[in-house]
């Protein structure tokens, strides 16, 4: 999921440089959503599957 977030971020940067602001805005929105979903899933996995020391 982090990979796809970075892919959409790169798409947004390229689209923004080429002047496609609508596509760039949509790609940034998708990248943000995927990044925050990744963080939530990672945090839940960290809390559930951590080992007791």
C-alpha atoms as a PDB file:
ATOM      1  CA  UNK A   1       0.000   0.000   0.000  1.00  0.00           C
ATOM      2  CA  UNK A   2       2.893   2.311   0.691  1.00  0.00           C
ATOM      3  CA  UNK A   3       4.210   1.489  -2.768  1.00  0.00           C
ATOM      4  CA  UNK A   4       0.947   2.576  -4.405  1.00  0.00           C
ATOM      5  CA  UNK A   5       0.922   5.753  -2.342  1.00  0.00           C
ATOM      6  CA  UNK A   6       4.366   6.643  -3.672  1.00  0.00           C
ATOM      7  CA  UNK A   7       3.318   5.765  -7.234  1.00  0.00           C
ATOM      8  CA  UNK A   8       0.347   8.142  -7.057  1.00  0.00           C
ATOM      9  CA  UNK A   9       2.557  10.835  -5.545  1.00  0.00           C
ATOM     10  CA  UNK A  10       4.967  10.556  -8.477  1.00  0.00           C
ATOM     11  CA  UNK A  11       2.039  10.631 -10.924  1.00  0.00           C
ATOM     12  CA  UNK A  12       0.797  13.791  -9.202  1.00  0.00           C
ATOM     13  CA  UNK A  13       4.206  15.453  -9.432  1.00  0.00           C
ATOM     14  CA  UNK A  14       4.591  14.652 -13.129  1.00  0.00           C
ATOM     15  CA  UNK A  15       1.027  15.735 -13.908  1.00  0.00           C
ATOM     16  CA  UNK A  16       1.552  18.961 -11.974  1.00  0.00           C
ATOM     17  CA  UNK A  17       4.741  19.738 -13.873  1.00  0.00           C
ATOM     18  CA  UNK A  18       2.962  19.154 -17.180  1.00  0.00           C
ATOM     19  CA  UNK A  19       0.042  21.399 -16.212  1.00  0.00           C
ATOM     20  CA  UNK A  20      -2.642  18.780 -15.602  1.00  0.00           C
ATOM     21  CA  UNK A  21      -3.771  20.227 -12.294  1.00  0.00           C
ATOM     22  CA  UNK A  22      -7.033  18.248 -12.103  1.00  0.00           C
ATOM     23  CA  UNK A  23      -5.274  14.931 -12.477  1.00  0.00           C
ATOM     24  CA  UNK A  24      -2.528  16.055 -10.098  1.00  0.00           C
ATOM     25  CA  UNK A  25      -5.068  16.980  -7.429  1.00  0.00           C
ATOM     26  CA  UNK A  26      -6.874  13.683  -7.747  1.00  0.00           C
ATOM     27  CA  UNK A  27      -3.621  11.723  -7.584  1.00  0.00           C
ATOM     28  CA  UNK A  28      -2.532  13.610  -4.467  1.00  0.00           C
ATOM     29  CA  UNK A  29      -5.874  12.859  -2.820  1.00  0.00           C
ATOM     30  CA  UNK A  30      -5.552   9.160  -3.595  1.00  0.00           C
ATOM     31  CA  UNK A  31      -1.941   9.145  -2.356  1.00  0.00           C
ATOM     32  CA  UNK A  32      -2.989  10.756   0.944  1.00  0.00           C
ATOM     33  CA  UNK A  33      -5.789   8.259   1.500  1.00  0.00           C
ATOM     34  CA  UNK A  34      -3.543   5.275   0.743  1.00  0.00           C
ATOM     35  CA  UNK A  35      -0.797   6.618   2.998  1.00  0.00           C
ATOM     36  CA  UNK A  36      -3.123   7.090   5.968  1.00  0.00           C
ATOM     37  CA  UNK A  37      -4.710   3.669   5.437  1.00  0.00           C
ATOM     38  CA  UNK A  38      -1.180   2.221   5.393  1.00  0.00           C
ATOM     39  CA  UNK A  39      -0.372   3.977   8.681  1.00  0.00           C
ATOM     40  CA  UNK A  40      -3.523   2.683  10.376  1.00  0.00           C
ATOM     41  CA  UNK A  41      -2.952  -0.891   9.193  1.00  0.00           C
ATOM     42  CA  UNK A  42       0.711  -0.736  10.214  1.00  0.00           C
ATOM     43  CA  UNK A  43      -0.158   0.622  13.658  1.00  0.00           C
ATOM     44  CA  UNK A  44      -2.805  -2.046  14.227  1.00  0.00           C
ATOM     45  CA  UNK A  45      -0.433  -4.797  13.117  1.00  0.00           C
ATOM     46  CA  UNK A  46       2.280  -3.384  15.372  1.00  0.00           C
ATOM     47  CA  UNK A  47      -0.001  -3.322  18.408  1.00  0.00           C
ATOM     48  CA  UNK A  48      -1.585  -6.723  17.806  1.00  0.00           C
ATOM     49  CA  UNK A  49       1.443  -8.734  16.751  1.00  0.00           C
ATOM     50  CA  UNK A  50       4.154  -7.296  18.993  1.00  0.00           C
ATOM     51  CA  UNK A  51       5.975  -9.765  21.189  1.00  0.00           C
ATOM     52  CA  UNK A  52       6.247  -9.414  24.932  1.00  0.00           C
ATOM     53  CA  UNK A  53       9.786  -8.845  26.150  1.00  0.00           C
END
